[in-house]
């Protein structure tokens, strides 16, 4: 399955170890992660040479091509919110993951569509368990 992983870049990279574990798990399960480059600690630098228009065109094409979206939402991000809304408008299933105890926008926690799951995690293992359950449906 082609999957789109969404996470904060410009807002902060403190969740990068969880993002890397998510990408590793998805790839180990045989999925193609269209945004696997986000797992790299140098992801900001890799996209630094691209124009905003190029990033928009590339990322929306990947969103359209994906079969589901996994979003790490612990760090507020305009881009992540946009990507989630873009996916929902196209009927894509979405998993939102947030560290336990982090305040997340009510716009995300209030979504009541069957195709959307919002889960909190205490550590990487719990985040991976939520991912596994989401992909199993």
N, C-alpha and C. Protein backbone atom coordinates (compact mmCIF):
# COMPACT_ATOMS: atom_id res chain seq x y z
N UNK A 1 0.85 -1.17 0.00
CA UNK A 1 0.00 0.00 0.00
C UNK A 1 0.90 1.24 0.00
N UNK A 2 0.51 2.26 -0.72
CA UNK A 2 1.22 3.53 -0.70
C UNK A 2 0.67 4.38 0.43
N UNK A 3 1.56 4.81 1.33
CA UNK A 3 1.16 5.56 2.52
C UNK A 3 1.85 6.92 2.53
N UNK A 4 1.16 7.90 3.09
CA UNK A 4 1.69 9.25 3.23
C UNK A 4 1.87 9.52 4.71
N UNK A 5 3.09 9.78 5.12
CA UNK A 5 3.36 10.13 6.51
C UNK A 5 3.49 11.64 6.59
N UNK A 6 2.77 12.23 7.53
CA UNK A 6 2.79 13.67 7.73
C UNK A 6 3.33 13.98 9.12
N UNK A 7 4.21 14.98 9.21
CA UNK A 7 4.76 15.40 10.50
C UNK A 7 5.31 16.81 10.37
N UNK A 8 5.52 17.43 11.50
CA UNK A 8 6.04 18.80 11.51
C UNK A 8 7.49 18.83 11.04
N UNK A 9 7.80 19.81 10.23
CA UNK A 9 9.19 20.09 9.86
C UNK A 9 9.61 21.43 10.43
N UNK A 10 8.95 22.49 10.00
CA UNK A 10 9.36 23.83 10.42
C UNK A 10 8.97 24.13 11.86
N UNK A 11 7.97 23.45 12.39
CA UNK A 11 7.52 23.69 13.75
C UNK A 11 8.39 23.04 14.82
N UNK A 12 9.22 22.11 14.40
CA UNK A 12 10.09 21.41 15.33
C UNK A 12 10.22 19.95 14.95
N UNK A 13 11.36 19.36 15.31
CA UNK A 13 11.65 17.98 14.92
C UNK A 13 11.80 17.06 16.14
N UNK A 14 11.24 17.45 17.28
CA UNK A 14 11.42 16.64 18.49
C UNK A 14 10.78 15.26 18.36
N UNK A 15 9.85 15.07 17.43
CA UNK A 15 9.18 13.78 17.26
C UNK A 15 9.84 12.92 16.18
N UNK A 16 10.99 13.36 15.67
CA UNK A 16 11.67 12.65 14.59
C UNK A 16 11.97 11.19 14.93
N UNK A 17 12.38 10.83 16.16
CA UNK A 17 12.61 9.40 16.45
C UNK A 17 11.35 8.55 16.29
N UNK A 18 10.19 9.08 16.68
CA UNK A 18 8.93 8.36 16.50
C UNK A 18 8.60 8.25 15.02
N UNK A 19 8.79 9.33 14.29
CA UNK A 19 8.55 9.33 12.85
C UNK A 19 9.43 8.28 12.17
N UNK A 20 10.70 8.21 12.56
CA UNK A 20 11.61 7.23 11.98
C UNK A 20 11.13 5.81 12.27
N UNK A 21 10.67 5.57 13.49
CA UNK A 21 10.17 4.23 13.86
C UNK A 21 8.91 3.89 13.06
N UNK A 22 8.04 4.86 12.85
CA UNK A 22 6.82 4.62 12.06
C UNK A 22 7.17 4.25 10.62
N UNK A 23 8.09 5.00 10.03
CA UNK A 23 8.51 4.71 8.65
C UNK A 23 9.13 3.32 8.58
N UNK A 24 10.02 3.00 9.52
CA UNK A 24 10.65 1.68 9.54
C UNK A 24 9.60 0.57 9.60
N UNK A 25 8.58 0.75 10.46
CA UNK A 25 7.55 -0.27 10.61
C UNK A 25 6.73 -0.43 9.33
N UNK A 26 6.32 0.70 8.75
CA UNK A 26 5.52 0.63 7.53
C UNK A 26 6.29 -0.07 6.41
N UNK A 27 7.56 0.28 6.27
CA UNK A 27 8.37 -0.34 5.22
C UNK A 27 8.61 -1.82 5.52
N UNK A 28 8.82 -2.17 6.79
CA UNK A 28 9.02 -3.57 7.17
C UNK A 28 7.78 -4.41 6.86
N UNK A 29 6.61 -3.78 6.91
CA UNK A 29 5.36 -4.47 6.60
C UNK A 29 5.09 -4.53 5.09
N UNK A 30 6.01 -3.97 4.30
CA UNK A 30 5.90 -4.04 2.85
C UNK A 30 5.19 -2.86 2.21
N UNK A 31 4.92 -1.83 2.97
CA UNK A 31 4.26 -0.64 2.42
C UNK A 31 5.31 0.31 1.83
N UNK A 32 4.87 1.13 0.90
CA UNK A 32 5.74 2.16 0.34
C UNK A 32 5.34 3.48 1.00
N UNK A 33 6.29 4.13 1.66
CA UNK A 33 6.03 5.39 2.34
C UNK A 33 6.52 6.50 1.41
N UNK A 34 5.57 7.22 0.84
CA UNK A 34 5.90 8.23 -0.16
C UNK A 34 6.72 9.37 0.42
N UNK A 35 6.61 9.59 1.71
CA UNK A 35 7.33 10.67 2.39
C UNK A 35 8.37 10.11 3.36
N UNK A 36 8.97 9.00 3.02
CA UNK A 36 9.95 8.35 3.91
C UNK A 36 11.12 9.27 4.26
N UNK A 37 11.41 10.22 3.40
CA UNK A 37 12.52 11.15 3.66
C UNK A 37 12.31 11.96 4.95
N UNK A 38 11.07 12.06 5.42
CA UNK A 38 10.80 12.81 6.65
C UNK A 38 11.36 12.14 7.89
N UNK A 39 11.70 10.87 7.78
CA UNK A 39 12.29 10.15 8.91
C UNK A 39 13.73 10.56 9.15
N UNK A 40 14.38 11.11 8.14
CA UNK A 40 15.78 11.51 8.27
C UNK A 40 15.91 12.77 9.11
N UNK A 41 16.92 12.80 9.94
CA UNK A 41 17.18 13.98 10.76
C UNK A 41 17.44 15.21 9.89
N UNK A 42 17.90 14.99 8.66
CA UNK A 42 18.23 16.10 7.76
C UNK A 42 17.10 16.43 6.79
N UNK A 43 15.88 16.06 7.11
CA UNK A 43 14.75 16.27 6.19
C UNK A 43 14.56 17.74 5.84
N UNK A 44 14.74 18.63 6.80
CA UNK A 44 14.58 20.06 6.52
C UNK A 44 15.57 20.52 5.46
N UNK A 45 16.80 20.09 5.59
CA UNK A 45 17.83 20.49 4.64
C UNK A 45 17.54 19.93 3.25
N UNK A 46 17.01 18.70 3.20
CA UNK A 46 16.73 18.07 1.92
C UNK A 46 15.67 18.84 1.14
N UNK A 47 14.67 19.37 1.82
CA UNK A 47 13.62 20.14 1.16
C UNK A 47 13.98 21.61 1.01
N UNK A 48 15.07 22.03 1.61
CA UNK A 48 15.45 23.44 1.62
C UNK A 48 15.65 24.05 0.26
N UNK A 49 16.06 23.29 -0.71
CA UNK A 49 16.32 23.81 -2.06
C UNK A 49 15.09 23.88 -2.92
N UNK A 50 13.96 23.36 -2.45
CA UNK A 50 12.74 23.36 -3.24
C UNK A 50 11.93 24.63 -3.00
N UNK A 51 11.30 25.10 -4.03
CA UNK A 51 10.42 26.26 -3.89
C UNK A 51 9.14 25.83 -3.18
N UNK A 52 8.44 26.77 -2.55
CA UNK A 52 7.15 26.41 -1.94
C UNK A 52 6.19 25.77 -2.94
N UNK A 53 6.19 26.27 -4.17
CA UNK A 53 5.31 25.71 -5.20
C UNK A 53 5.67 24.26 -5.51
N UNK A 54 6.96 23.98 -5.57
CA UNK A 54 7.41 22.61 -5.85
C UNK A 54 7.02 21.66 -4.72
N UNK A 55 7.16 22.11 -3.48
CA UNK A 55 6.77 21.28 -2.34
C UNK A 55 5.27 21.02 -2.39
N UNK A 56 4.48 22.05 -2.63
CA UNK A 56 3.03 21.89 -2.72
C UNK A 56 2.65 20.89 -3.81
N UNK A 57 3.19 21.07 -4.99
CA UNK A 57 2.85 20.17 -6.11
C UNK A 57 3.27 18.73 -5.82
N UNK A 58 4.47 18.56 -5.31
CA UNK A 58 4.96 17.21 -5.00
C UNK A 58 4.10 16.55 -3.91
N UNK A 59 3.88 17.29 -2.82
CA UNK A 59 3.19 16.69 -1.68
C UNK A 59 1.71 16.43 -1.97
N UNK A 60 1.04 17.31 -2.69
CA UNK A 60 -0.36 17.04 -3.01
C UNK A 60 -0.48 15.88 -4.01
N UNK A 61 0.50 15.74 -4.88
CA UNK A 61 0.49 14.57 -5.79
C UNK A 61 0.66 13.29 -4.98
N UNK A 62 1.57 13.30 -4.00
CA UNK A 62 1.74 12.13 -3.14
C UNK A 62 0.48 11.85 -2.33
N UNK A 63 -0.17 12.89 -1.83
CA UNK A 63 -1.42 12.69 -1.08
C UNK A 63 -2.48 12.05 -1.96
N UNK A 64 -2.61 12.51 -3.19
CA UNK A 64 -3.60 11.92 -4.10
C UNK A 64 -3.26 10.47 -4.41
N UNK A 65 -1.97 10.15 -4.49
CA UNK A 65 -1.54 8.79 -4.82
C UNK A 65 -1.61 7.83 -3.62
N UNK A 66 -1.64 8.37 -2.43
CA UNK A 66 -1.61 7.52 -1.24
C UNK A 66 -2.96 6.85 -1.00
N UNK A 67 -2.90 5.74 -0.27
CA UNK A 67 -4.12 5.03 0.10
C UNK A 67 -4.55 5.36 1.52
N UNK A 68 -3.64 5.92 2.31
CA UNK A 68 -3.94 6.33 3.68
C UNK A 68 -2.88 7.31 4.14
N UNK A 69 -3.23 8.06 5.20
CA UNK A 69 -2.32 9.05 5.76
C UNK A 69 -2.12 8.76 7.24
N UNK A 70 -0.86 8.79 7.65
CA UNK A 70 -0.50 8.67 9.06
C UNK A 70 0.14 10.01 9.42
N UNK A 71 -0.42 10.68 10.44
CA UNK A 71 0.05 12.01 10.80
C UNK A 71 0.49 12.04 12.26
N UNK A 72 1.73 12.42 12.50
CA UNK A 72 2.21 12.66 13.87
C UNK A 72 1.88 14.12 14.15
N UNK A 73 0.96 14.36 15.09
CA UNK A 73 0.40 15.70 15.29
C UNK A 73 0.77 16.33 16.63
N UNK A 74 1.78 15.83 17.29
CA UNK A 74 2.17 16.37 18.60
C UNK A 74 2.64 17.81 18.52
N UNK A 75 3.34 18.16 17.44
CA UNK A 75 3.85 19.51 17.25
C UNK A 75 2.94 20.24 16.27
N UNK A 76 2.35 21.36 16.69
CA UNK A 76 1.45 22.09 15.79
C UNK A 76 2.14 22.44 14.47
N UNK A 77 1.39 22.26 13.37
CA UNK A 77 1.94 22.50 12.04
C UNK A 77 0.82 22.85 11.08
N UNK A 78 0.94 23.99 10.42
CA UNK A 78 -0.04 24.35 9.40
C UNK A 78 -0.06 23.31 8.29
N UNK A 79 1.14 22.87 7.89
CA UNK A 79 1.24 21.90 6.80
C UNK A 79 0.56 20.59 7.12
N UNK A 80 0.78 20.07 8.33
CA UNK A 80 0.16 18.81 8.72
C UNK A 80 -1.37 18.95 8.72
N UNK A 81 -1.86 20.04 9.28
CA UNK A 81 -3.31 20.26 9.27
C UNK A 81 -3.87 20.31 7.87
N UNK A 82 -3.16 21.00 6.97
CA UNK A 82 -3.59 21.07 5.58
C UNK A 82 -3.60 19.68 4.96
N UNK A 83 -2.54 18.91 5.19
CA UNK A 83 -2.45 17.57 4.59
C UNK A 83 -3.57 16.66 5.08
N UNK A 84 -3.92 16.77 6.36
CA UNK A 84 -5.01 15.96 6.89
C UNK A 84 -6.33 16.36 6.22
N UNK A 85 -6.60 17.65 6.13
CA UNK A 85 -7.83 18.11 5.48
C UNK A 85 -7.87 17.70 4.02
N UNK A 86 -6.74 17.82 3.33
CA UNK A 86 -6.65 17.44 1.91
C UNK A 86 -6.99 15.96 1.75
N UNK A 87 -6.44 15.14 2.63
CA UNK A 87 -6.70 13.69 2.58
C UNK A 87 -8.18 13.39 2.87
N UNK A 88 -8.74 14.05 3.87
CA UNK A 88 -10.14 13.80 4.22
C UNK A 88 -11.08 14.18 3.09
N UNK A 89 -10.78 15.28 2.41
CA UNK A 89 -11.61 15.70 1.28
C UNK A 89 -11.57 14.69 0.14
N UNK A 90 -10.56 13.86 0.12
CA UNK A 90 -10.42 12.86 -0.93
C UNK A 90 -10.78 11.46 -0.43
N UNK A 91 -11.34 11.38 0.76
CA UNK A 91 -11.82 10.10 1.28
C UNK A 91 -10.74 9.14 1.75
N UNK A 92 -9.56 9.67 2.07
CA UNK A 92 -8.47 8.82 2.53
C UNK A 92 -8.62 8.54 4.02
N UNK A 93 -8.35 7.31 4.46
CA UNK A 93 -8.31 7.05 5.90
C UNK A 93 -7.10 7.77 6.52
N UNK A 94 -7.29 8.30 7.73
CA UNK A 94 -6.24 9.06 8.40
C UNK A 94 -6.08 8.58 9.83
N UNK A 95 -4.83 8.36 10.24
CA UNK A 95 -4.48 8.09 11.63
C UNK A 95 -3.70 9.29 12.14
N UNK A 96 -4.21 9.93 13.21
CA UNK A 96 -3.50 11.01 13.87
C UNK A 96 -2.91 10.47 15.16
N UNK A 97 -1.62 10.63 15.34
CA UNK A 97 -0.92 10.17 16.54
C UNK A 97 -0.35 11.37 17.29
N UNK A 98 -0.54 11.39 18.62
CA UNK A 98 -0.01 12.48 19.43
C UNK A 98 0.56 11.91 20.72
N UNK A 99 1.65 12.50 21.17
CA UNK A 99 2.22 12.12 22.47
C UNK A 99 1.19 12.37 23.56
N UNK A 100 1.10 11.46 24.51
CA UNK A 100 0.18 11.63 25.64
C UNK A 100 0.52 12.91 26.38
N UNK A 101 -0.52 13.67 26.74
CA UNK A 101 -0.34 14.89 27.50
C UNK A 101 -0.11 16.14 26.68
N UNK A 102 0.04 16.01 25.37
CA UNK A 102 0.25 17.17 24.49
C UNK A 102 -1.12 17.73 24.09
N UNK A 103 -1.23 19.05 24.10
CA UNK A 103 -2.48 19.68 23.66
C UNK A 103 -2.53 19.68 22.13
N UNK A 104 -3.61 19.15 21.61
CA UNK A 104 -3.80 19.07 20.17
C UNK A 104 -5.07 19.84 19.83
N UNK A 105 -5.06 20.49 18.71
CA UNK A 105 -6.20 21.29 18.26
C UNK A 105 -7.50 20.51 18.31
N UNK A 106 -8.55 21.17 18.78
CA UNK A 106 -9.87 20.55 18.82
C UNK A 106 -10.40 20.27 17.41
N UNK A 107 -9.85 20.97 16.42
CA UNK A 107 -10.24 20.69 15.03
C UNK A 107 -9.84 19.27 14.64
N UNK A 108 -8.76 18.75 15.22
CA UNK A 108 -8.35 17.37 14.96
C UNK A 108 -9.03 16.39 15.90
N UNK A 109 -9.01 16.70 17.19
CA UNK A 109 -9.59 15.76 18.16
C UNK A 109 -11.11 15.67 18.03
N UNK A 110 -11.72 16.66 17.39
CA UNK A 110 -13.17 16.66 17.25
C UNK A 110 -13.69 15.97 16.00
N UNK A 111 -12.82 15.50 15.13
CA UNK A 111 -13.27 14.84 13.89
C UNK A 111 -13.98 13.54 14.28
N UNK A 112 -15.15 13.34 13.71
CA UNK A 112 -15.94 12.15 14.01
C UNK A 112 -16.28 11.36 12.75
N UNK A 113 -15.38 11.34 11.81
CA UNK A 113 -15.57 10.52 10.61
C UNK A 113 -15.03 9.13 10.88
N UNK A 114 -15.71 8.12 10.36
CA UNK A 114 -15.28 6.74 10.56
C UNK A 114 -13.88 6.48 10.04
N UNK A 115 -13.49 7.20 9.03
CA UNK A 115 -12.19 6.95 8.40
C UNK A 115 -11.02 7.58 9.15
N UNK A 116 -11.31 8.29 10.25
CA UNK A 116 -10.27 8.99 11.00
C UNK A 116 -10.13 8.36 12.39
N UNK A 117 -8.88 8.10 12.76
CA UNK A 117 -8.59 7.62 14.11
C UNK A 117 -7.62 8.61 14.76
N UNK A 118 -7.91 9.01 15.99
CA UNK A 118 -7.01 9.86 16.76
C UNK A 118 -6.57 9.05 17.97
N UNK A 119 -5.25 8.86 18.12
CA UNK A 119 -4.71 8.05 19.20
C UNK A 119 -3.54 8.77 19.86
N UNK A 120 -3.43 8.60 21.17
CA UNK A 120 -2.27 9.12 21.90
C UNK A 120 -1.37 7.96 22.26
N UNK A 121 -0.10 8.29 22.46
CA UNK A 121 0.88 7.25 22.81
C UNK A 121 1.84 7.77 23.86
N UNK A 122 2.32 6.84 24.69
CA UNK A 122 3.28 7.19 25.72
C UNK A 122 4.71 6.98 25.27
N UNK A 123 4.90 6.11 24.33
CA UNK A 123 6.23 5.80 23.82
C UNK A 123 6.14 5.22 22.43
N UNK A 124 7.30 4.95 21.84
CA UNK A 124 7.36 4.46 20.47
C UNK A 124 6.58 3.16 20.30
N UNK A 125 6.70 2.24 21.24
CA UNK A 125 6.00 0.96 21.11
C UNK A 125 4.49 1.13 21.02
N UNK A 126 3.96 2.05 21.82
CA UNK A 126 2.52 2.30 21.78
C UNK A 126 2.11 2.96 20.46
N UNK A 127 2.93 3.86 19.96
CA UNK A 127 2.65 4.48 18.66
C UNK A 127 2.64 3.41 17.57
N UNK A 128 3.58 2.49 17.62
CA UNK A 128 3.64 1.41 16.62
C UNK A 128 2.43 0.49 16.74
N UNK A 129 1.97 0.23 17.95
CA UNK A 129 0.78 -0.60 18.14
C UNK A 129 -0.45 0.07 17.52
N UNK A 130 -0.57 1.38 17.70
CA UNK A 130 -1.69 2.11 17.08
C UNK A 130 -1.58 2.05 15.55
N UNK A 131 -0.36 2.18 15.02
CA UNK A 131 -0.15 2.09 13.59
C UNK A 131 -0.56 0.72 13.08
N UNK A 132 -0.11 -0.34 13.76
CA UNK A 132 -0.44 -1.70 13.35
C UNK A 132 -1.96 -1.93 13.30
N UNK A 133 -2.65 -1.45 14.33
CA UNK A 133 -4.11 -1.61 14.40
C UNK A 133 -4.79 -0.85 13.26
N UNK A 134 -4.32 0.35 12.97
CA UNK A 134 -4.88 1.16 11.88
C UNK A 134 -4.69 0.46 10.54
N UNK A 135 -3.49 -0.03 10.28
CA UNK A 135 -3.20 -0.67 9.01
C UNK A 135 -3.93 -2.00 8.86
N UNK A 136 -4.26 -2.64 9.97
CA UNK A 136 -4.97 -3.92 9.93
C UNK A 136 -6.43 -3.76 9.49
N UNK A 137 -7.00 -2.53 9.67
CA UNK A 137 -8.38 -2.35 9.26
C UNK A 137 -8.40 -2.15 7.79
